[in-house]
């Protein structure tokens, strides 16, 4: 294994490099889409939000739940992974953090299979660390274990 976790300054909605790519991000299990990284995604493509909302609407008959991953194709060699890793939405008055590390870990396992199947690299912001309230110190080892150790190249983007 010589795959490394790369960190770059830039926009995760404009993944660098060649070949197939998957942009991964964390969603909540409440059906909410409207704050954080998803706004940048929706400015570029309508499909991820529409697919997520439909997935949530039909949750009684599908796999929508913590730990699930939905892959949405947005271009010939580009997909977006909606990963359910956040329970609910943080309110202004609550100190509870919606991040669910076990769910992110499960979603990353599925993501690795999708990336391997498509020979794709994975691109993401610091997932689970914004509105979800998680810490990178807890998320990064999950990415290394589930993706890097499976030889899936990952680039993490920090906005400039």
Protein backbone atom coordinates (compact mmCIF):
# COMPACT_ATOMS: atom_id res chain seq x y z
CA UNK A 1 0.00 0.00 0.00
CA UNK A 2 1.41 3.36 -1.00
CA UNK A 3 -1.81 5.36 -1.19
CA UNK A 4 -1.70 8.53 0.87
CA UNK A 5 -4.25 10.91 2.23
CA UNK A 6 -3.68 14.22 0.41
CA UNK A 7 -4.60 17.65 1.72
CA UNK A 8 -5.04 20.57 -0.64
CA UNK A 9 -6.40 24.10 -0.58
CA UNK A 10 -9.34 24.40 -2.92
CA UNK A 11 -12.95 23.61 -3.68
CA UNK A 12 -14.09 20.02 -3.17
CA UNK A 13 -16.85 20.55 -5.75
CA UNK A 14 -14.08 20.92 -8.35
CA UNK A 15 -12.00 17.79 -7.72
CA UNK A 16 -8.47 17.80 -9.12
CA UNK A 17 -6.81 15.11 -11.19
CA UNK A 18 -7.85 12.73 -13.91
CA UNK A 19 -9.99 9.62 -14.03
CA UNK A 20 -13.18 8.73 -12.22
CA UNK A 21 -13.93 10.67 -9.06
CA UNK A 22 -16.41 10.53 -6.20
CA UNK A 23 -17.14 13.60 -4.10
CA UNK A 24 -18.15 12.45 -0.61
CA UNK A 25 -19.96 14.40 2.09
CA UNK A 26 -22.02 13.79 5.22
CA UNK A 27 -25.79 14.32 5.31
CA UNK A 28 -28.24 14.23 8.19
CA UNK A 29 -30.96 11.64 8.75
CA UNK A 30 -33.67 14.30 9.15
CA UNK A 31 -34.16 15.08 5.46
CA UNK A 32 -32.64 18.55 5.78
CA UNK A 33 -30.52 19.94 2.93
CA UNK A 34 -29.82 23.64 3.07
CA UNK A 35 -26.72 24.56 5.07
CA UNK A 36 -23.01 23.95 4.80
CA UNK A 37 -21.27 22.07 1.98
CA UNK A 38 -24.56 20.99 0.36
CA UNK A 39 -25.17 24.59 -0.73
CA UNK A 40 -22.00 24.49 -2.84
CA UNK A 41 -23.06 21.13 -4.27
CA UNK A 42 -26.53 22.41 -5.18
CA UNK A 43 -25.01 25.42 -6.95
CA UNK A 44 -23.16 23.01 -9.28
CA UNK A 45 -25.63 20.13 -9.74
CA UNK A 46 -29.35 19.67 -9.03
CA UNK A 47 -29.20 15.83 -8.95
CA UNK A 48 -27.61 15.22 -5.50
CA UNK A 49 -30.21 17.26 -3.61
CA UNK A 50 -33.12 15.85 -5.63
CA UNK A 51 -31.86 12.28 -5.10
CA UNK A 52 -31.32 12.84 -1.35
CA UNK A 53 -34.79 14.35 -0.88
CA UNK A 54 -36.41 11.49 -2.82
CA UNK A 55 -34.37 8.93 -0.84
CA UNK A 56 -35.57 10.53 2.43
CA UNK A 57 -39.18 10.80 1.21
CA UNK A 58 -39.22 7.08 0.32
CA UNK A 59 -37.33 5.98 3.47
CA UNK A 60 -40.09 3.60 4.55
CA UNK A 61 -39.25 1.41 1.54
CA UNK A 62 -35.49 1.90 1.09
CA UNK A 63 -32.17 1.87 2.99
CA UNK A 64 -32.21 5.55 4.11
CA UNK A 65 -30.75 5.44 7.63
CA UNK A 66 -27.63 6.29 9.58
CA UNK A 67 -24.63 4.69 7.87
CA UNK A 68 -26.25 4.45 4.42
CA UNK A 69 -24.62 5.80 1.26
CA UNK A 70 -26.36 7.01 -1.88
CA UNK A 71 -24.26 7.38 -5.03
CA UNK A 72 -25.50 9.97 -7.55
CA UNK A 73 -23.89 10.35 -10.97
CA UNK A 74 -23.46 14.01 -11.97
CA UNK A 75 -21.13 13.65 -14.97
CA UNK A 76 -19.62 10.92 -17.16
CA UNK A 77 -16.85 10.12 -14.65
CA UNK A 78 -18.06 11.99 -11.56
CA UNK A 79 -20.35 10.80 -8.75
CA UNK A 80 -21.48 12.31 -5.49
CA UNK A 81 -21.80 10.20 -2.34
CA UNK A 82 -24.55 11.30 0.06
CA UNK A 83 -23.46 9.58 3.31
CA UNK A 84 -25.86 9.60 6.28
CA UNK A 85 -23.56 10.28 9.22
CA UNK A 86 -25.43 12.85 11.25
CA UNK A 87 -28.44 12.24 13.51
CA UNK A 88 -30.76 15.21 13.28
CA UNK A 89 -29.69 18.81 12.96
CA UNK A 90 -27.93 20.91 15.58
CA UNK A 91 -30.21 23.63 16.92
CA UNK A 92 -29.03 27.03 18.10
CA UNK A 93 -29.95 26.17 21.68
CA UNK A 94 -28.55 22.63 21.81
CA UNK A 95 -24.98 21.68 22.63
CA UNK A 96 -25.52 18.11 21.39
CA UNK A 97 -23.42 17.22 18.37
CA UNK A 98 -25.33 15.39 15.60
CA UNK A 99 -22.21 13.57 14.28
CA UNK A 100 -22.36 9.77 14.45
CA UNK A 101 -18.87 8.34 13.97
CA UNK A 102 -20.11 4.74 13.68
CA UNK A 103 -22.44 5.79 10.85
CA UNK A 104 -19.64 7.64 9.04
CA UNK A 105 -17.43 4.57 9.43
CA UNK A 106 -20.15 2.36 7.92
CA UNK A 107 -20.75 4.83 5.06
CA UNK A 108 -17.00 4.99 4.31
CA UNK A 109 -16.93 1.19 4.02
CA UNK A 110 -19.64 1.36 1.34
CA UNK A 111 -17.87 4.31 -0.30
CA UNK A 112 -14.66 2.26 -0.57
CA UNK A 113 -16.55 -0.46 -2.45
CA UNK A 114 -18.08 2.09 -4.85
CA UNK A 115 -14.67 3.72 -5.45
CA UNK A 116 -12.95 0.38 -6.04
CA UNK A 117 -15.69 -0.76 -8.42
CA UNK A 118 -15.28 2.45 -10.48
CA UNK A 119 -11.49 2.75 -10.04
CA UNK A 120 -12.27 6.21 -8.65
CA UNK A 121 -10.47 8.60 -6.35
CA UNK A 122 -12.43 10.17 -3.48
CA UNK A 123 -12.62 13.91 -2.85
CA UNK A 124 -14.15 15.59 0.19
CA UNK A 125 -14.17 18.52 2.56
CA UNK A 126 -13.40 17.67 6.21
CA UNK A 127 -16.53 15.55 6.46
CA UNK A 128 -18.46 15.48 9.72
CA UNK A 129 -16.58 18.47 11.14
CA UNK A 130 -18.83 21.36 10.15
CA UNK A 131 -22.49 21.41 11.07
CA UNK A 132 -22.28 17.83 12.35
CA UNK A 133 -19.87 18.97 15.08
CA UNK A 134 -17.33 16.15 14.76
CA UNK A 135 -13.57 16.41 15.13
CA UNK A 136 -11.04 15.65 12.42
CA UNK A 137 -8.97 13.74 14.98
CA UNK A 138 -11.79 11.17 15.10
CA UNK A 139 -12.74 11.24 11.40
CA UNK A 140 -9.28 11.03 9.81
CA UNK A 141 -8.45 7.55 11.22
CA UNK A 142 -11.76 6.26 9.80
CA UNK A 143 -10.81 7.55 6.35
CA UNK A 144 -7.36 6.01 6.60
CA UNK A 145 -8.74 2.65 7.71
CA UNK A 146 -11.71 2.41 5.35
CA UNK A 147 -10.28 4.07 2.22
CA UNK A 148 -6.51 4.62 2.26
CA UNK A 149 -5.73 1.13 3.60
CA UNK A 150 -7.97 -0.24 0.82
CA UNK A 151 -5.83 1.64 -1.74
CA UNK A 152 -8.49 4.24 -2.49
CA UNK A 153 -6.82 7.63 -3.06
CA UNK A 154 -8.43 10.42 -1.03
CA UNK A 155 -8.00 14.19 -1.32
CA UNK A 156 -9.31 16.44 1.45
CA UNK A 157 -10.05 20.03 0.47
CA UNK A 158 -9.77 23.05 2.74
CA UNK A 159 -11.35 26.16 1.25
CA UNK A 160 -8.87 28.91 0.47
